[in-house]
Amino acid sequence: MSILRPLASAFPAALRRESPWLVLAVALLVVLLHANAPEVWFWFAALVLLLLWRSLACRGRWRDAAGEAGEAVDQG
């Protein structure tokens, strides 16, 4: 339960920080749906790379926040 508390409190801040990237991902999805056949693979790869990069970055920040919270509990 103690790991979930820092993540829950950081979620609104993380959502605000990630919202421009989410808008970009939705825009790429719209472009992908309207693309011609040769362009589809390019835009699909761009969307997948963007989502992968952002998910790895977000996961790393969550791990760091959980690690800092765990260190604070150990020291306190």
N, C-alpha and C. Protein backbone atom coordinates (compact mmCIF):
# COMPACT_ATOMS: atom_id res chain seq x y z
N MET A 1 0.81 -1.20 0.00
CA MET A 1 0.00 0.00 0.00
C MET A 1 0.86 1.27 0.00
N SER A 2 2.02 1.22 0.66
CA SER A 2 2.83 2.43 0.76
C SER A 2 3.39 2.86 -0.59
N ILE A 3 3.60 1.91 -1.49
CA ILE A 3 4.11 2.26 -2.82
C ILE A 3 3.03 2.97 -3.62
N LEU A 4 1.77 2.61 -3.42
CA LEU A 4 0.69 3.20 -4.20
C LEU A 4 0.41 4.64 -3.80
N ARG A 5 0.67 5.00 -2.56
CA ARG A 5 0.37 6.36 -2.12
C ARG A 5 1.16 7.41 -2.89
N PRO A 6 2.49 7.31 -3.06
CA PRO A 6 3.21 8.32 -3.84
C PRO A 6 2.77 8.34 -5.30
N LEU A 7 2.46 7.17 -5.84
CA LEU A 7 2.02 7.14 -7.23
C LEU A 7 0.67 7.83 -7.40
N ALA A 8 -0.24 7.61 -6.45
CA ALA A 8 -1.55 8.23 -6.54
C ALA A 8 -1.45 9.74 -6.37
N SER A 9 -0.58 10.20 -5.50
CA SER A 9 -0.45 11.64 -5.30
C SER A 9 0.29 12.29 -6.46
N ALA A 10 1.14 11.55 -7.15
CA ALA A 10 1.89 12.11 -8.28
C ALA A 10 1.12 12.01 -9.58
N PHE A 11 0.01 11.26 -9.60
CA PHE A 11 -0.69 11.04 -10.86
C PHE A 11 -1.23 12.31 -11.50
N PRO A 12 -1.89 13.23 -10.75
CA PRO A 12 -2.37 14.45 -11.42
C PRO A 12 -1.22 15.28 -12.01
N ALA A 13 -0.10 15.37 -11.30
CA ALA A 13 1.04 16.11 -11.83
C ALA A 13 1.60 15.41 -13.06
N ALA A 14 1.65 14.07 -13.02
CA ALA A 14 2.15 13.33 -14.18
C ALA A 14 1.21 13.49 -15.37
N LEU A 15 -0.08 13.51 -15.10
CA LEU A 15 -1.05 13.68 -16.19
C LEU A 15 -0.90 15.05 -16.82
N ARG A 16 -0.70 16.08 -16.01
CA ARG A 16 -0.49 17.42 -16.57
C ARG A 16 0.80 17.47 -17.38
N ARG A 17 1.83 16.77 -16.90
CA ARG A 17 3.11 16.78 -17.61
C ARG A 17 3.02 16.00 -18.91
N GLU A 18 2.22 14.94 -18.93
CA GLU A 18 2.12 14.09 -20.11
C GLU A 18 1.05 14.54 -21.10
N SER A 19 0.20 15.49 -20.72
CA SER A 19 -0.92 15.87 -21.59
C SER A 19 -0.48 16.38 -22.97
N PRO A 20 0.60 17.17 -23.12
CA PRO A 20 1.00 17.55 -24.48
C PRO A 20 1.39 16.33 -25.33
N TRP A 21 2.01 15.33 -24.71
CA TRP A 21 2.40 14.13 -25.44
C TRP A 21 1.18 13.30 -25.81
N LEU A 22 0.18 13.27 -24.93
CA LEU A 22 -1.05 12.56 -25.25
C LEU A 22 -1.77 13.22 -26.41
N VAL A 23 -1.79 14.55 -26.43
CA VAL A 23 -2.41 15.28 -27.54
C VAL A 23 -1.66 14.98 -28.83
N LEU A 24 -0.33 14.94 -28.76
CA LEU A 24 0.46 14.62 -29.95
C LEU A 24 0.18 13.20 -30.44
N ALA A 25 0.05 12.27 -29.51
CA ALA A 25 -0.25 10.89 -29.89
C ALA A 25 -1.62 10.78 -30.55
N VAL A 26 -2.60 11.50 -30.03
CA VAL A 26 -3.94 11.50 -30.65
C VAL A 26 -3.88 12.14 -32.02
N ALA A 27 -3.13 13.23 -32.16
CA ALA A 27 -2.99 13.87 -33.47
C ALA A 27 -2.33 12.92 -34.47
N LEU A 28 -1.30 12.20 -34.04
CA LEU A 28 -0.66 11.22 -34.93
C LEU A 28 -1.62 10.11 -35.31
N LEU A 29 -2.47 9.70 -34.38
CA LEU A 29 -3.46 8.68 -34.68
C LEU A 29 -4.46 9.17 -35.72
N VAL A 30 -4.88 10.42 -35.61
CA VAL A 30 -5.80 10.99 -36.60
C VAL A 30 -5.13 11.06 -37.97
N VAL A 31 -3.86 11.48 -38.01
CA VAL A 31 -3.12 11.52 -39.27
C VAL A 31 -2.99 10.12 -39.84
N LEU A 32 -2.73 9.15 -38.97
CA LEU A 32 -2.59 7.76 -39.41
C LEU A 32 -3.88 7.25 -40.04
N LEU A 33 -5.01 7.61 -39.45
CA LEU A 33 -6.28 7.13 -39.98
C LEU A 33 -6.63 7.78 -41.32
N HIS A 34 -6.08 8.98 -41.59
CA HIS A 34 -6.37 9.65 -42.86
C HIS A 34 -5.25 9.52 -43.89
N ALA A 35 -4.21 8.76 -43.58
CA ALA A 35 -3.05 8.67 -44.46
C ALA A 35 -3.32 7.74 -45.64
N ASN A 36 -2.60 8.01 -46.71
CA ASN A 36 -2.63 7.12 -47.88
C ASN A 36 -1.81 5.87 -47.57
N ALA A 37 -1.95 4.87 -48.41
CA ALA A 37 -1.32 3.57 -48.15
C ALA A 37 0.19 3.65 -47.91
N PRO A 38 0.97 4.35 -48.74
CA PRO A 38 2.42 4.38 -48.47
C PRO A 38 2.79 5.09 -47.17
N GLU A 39 1.96 6.06 -46.76
CA GLU A 39 2.29 6.83 -45.57
C GLU A 39 1.90 6.13 -44.28
N VAL A 40 1.03 5.15 -44.37
CA VAL A 40 0.49 4.52 -43.16
C VAL A 40 1.59 3.92 -42.30
N TRP A 41 2.52 3.22 -42.91
CA TRP A 41 3.57 2.56 -42.13
C TRP A 41 4.48 3.57 -41.46
N PHE A 42 4.76 4.67 -42.15
CA PHE A 42 5.60 5.71 -41.55
C PHE A 42 4.92 6.31 -40.32
N TRP A 43 3.66 6.70 -40.44
CA TRP A 43 2.96 7.32 -39.32
C TRP A 43 2.69 6.32 -38.20
N PHE A 44 2.47 5.06 -38.57
CA PHE A 44 2.29 4.03 -37.55
C PHE A 44 3.57 3.85 -36.75
N ALA A 45 4.70 3.80 -37.43
CA ALA A 45 5.99 3.66 -36.74
C ALA A 45 6.27 4.88 -35.87
N ALA A 46 5.93 6.07 -36.36
CA ALA A 46 6.13 7.28 -35.57
C ALA A 46 5.28 7.24 -34.30
N LEU A 47 4.04 6.80 -34.42
CA LEU A 47 3.15 6.71 -33.27
C LEU A 47 3.64 5.68 -32.26
N VAL A 48 4.05 4.53 -32.74
CA VAL A 48 4.54 3.47 -31.84
C VAL A 48 5.81 3.91 -31.13
N LEU A 49 6.73 4.54 -31.85
CA LEU A 49 7.96 5.01 -31.21
C LEU A 49 7.68 6.09 -30.17
N LEU A 50 6.77 7.00 -30.49
CA LEU A 50 6.42 8.04 -29.53
C LEU A 50 5.81 7.45 -28.27
N LEU A 51 4.88 6.54 -28.43
CA LEU A 51 4.23 5.93 -27.26
C LEU A 51 5.21 5.09 -26.45
N LEU A 52 6.09 4.37 -27.12
CA LEU A 52 7.08 3.56 -26.41
C LEU A 52 8.04 4.44 -25.62
N TRP A 53 8.53 5.49 -26.25
CA TRP A 53 9.47 6.40 -25.60
C TRP A 53 8.83 7.05 -24.38
N ARG A 54 7.60 7.54 -24.51
CA ARG A 54 6.94 8.20 -23.40
C ARG A 54 6.58 7.22 -22.29
N SER A 55 6.19 6.01 -22.65
CA SER A 55 5.85 5.05 -21.59
C SER A 55 7.09 4.65 -20.81
N LEU A 56 8.22 4.49 -21.47
CA LEU A 56 9.46 4.17 -20.76
C LEU A 56 9.90 5.33 -19.87
N ALA A 57 9.75 6.55 -20.35
CA ALA A 57 10.11 7.71 -19.54
C ALA A 57 9.20 7.83 -18.33
N CYS A 58 7.93 7.61 -18.53
CA CYS A 58 6.96 7.70 -17.43
C CYS A 58 7.21 6.59 -16.41
N ARG A 59 7.49 5.39 -16.87
CA ARG A 59 7.78 4.28 -15.98
C ARG A 59 9.03 4.56 -15.14
N GLY A 60 10.03 5.16 -15.76
CA GLY A 60 11.25 5.51 -15.03
C GLY A 60 11.01 6.56 -13.96
N ARG A 61 10.18 7.56 -14.27
CA ARG A 61 9.86 8.57 -13.27
C ARG A 61 9.08 7.97 -12.11
N TRP A 62 8.16 7.04 -12.40
CA TRP A 62 7.38 6.40 -11.34
C TRP A 62 8.28 5.56 -10.44
N ARG A 63 9.25 4.87 -11.05
CA ARG A 63 10.19 4.08 -10.24
C ARG A 63 11.03 4.97 -9.35
N ASP A 64 11.48 6.10 -9.92
CA ASP A 64 12.28 7.04 -9.12
C ASP A 64 11.47 7.60 -7.96
N ALA A 65 10.20 7.94 -8.22
CA ALA A 65 9.35 8.48 -7.16
C ALA A 65 9.10 7.43 -6.08
N ALA A 66 8.89 6.19 -6.48
CA ALA A 66 8.67 5.12 -5.51
C ALA A 66 9.95 4.85 -4.72
N GLY A 67 11.09 4.93 -5.38
CA GLY A 67 12.36 4.73 -4.69
C GLY A 67 12.64 5.83 -3.69
N GLU A 68 12.36 7.08 -4.06
CA GLU A 68 12.55 8.20 -3.13
C GLU A 68 11.60 8.09 -1.95
N ALA A 69 10.38 7.65 -2.19
CA ALA A 69 9.42 7.49 -1.10
C ALA A 69 9.87 6.37 -0.17
N GLY A 70 10.42 5.30 -0.73
CA GLY A 70 10.92 4.20 0.09
C GLY A 70 12.12 4.61 0.92
N GLU A 71 13.00 5.44 0.36
CA GLU A 71 14.15 5.92 1.11
C GLU A 71 13.71 6.83 2.24
N ALA A 72 12.68 7.65 1.99
CA ALA A 72 12.19 8.55 3.04
C ALA A 72 11.58 7.75 4.19
N VAL A 73 10.91 6.65 3.88
CA VAL A 73 10.34 5.81 4.93
C VAL A 73 11.44 5.13 5.71
N ASP A 74 12.50 4.66 5.03
CA ASP A 74 13.60 4.00 5.70
C ASP A 74 14.36 4.95 6.63
N GLN A 75 14.51 6.19 6.22
CA GLN A 75 15.25 7.16 7.02
C GLN A 75 14.42 7.68 8.19
N GLY A 76 13.10 7.71 8.01
CA GLY A 76 12.21 8.31 9.02
C GLY A 76 11.90 7.35 10.05
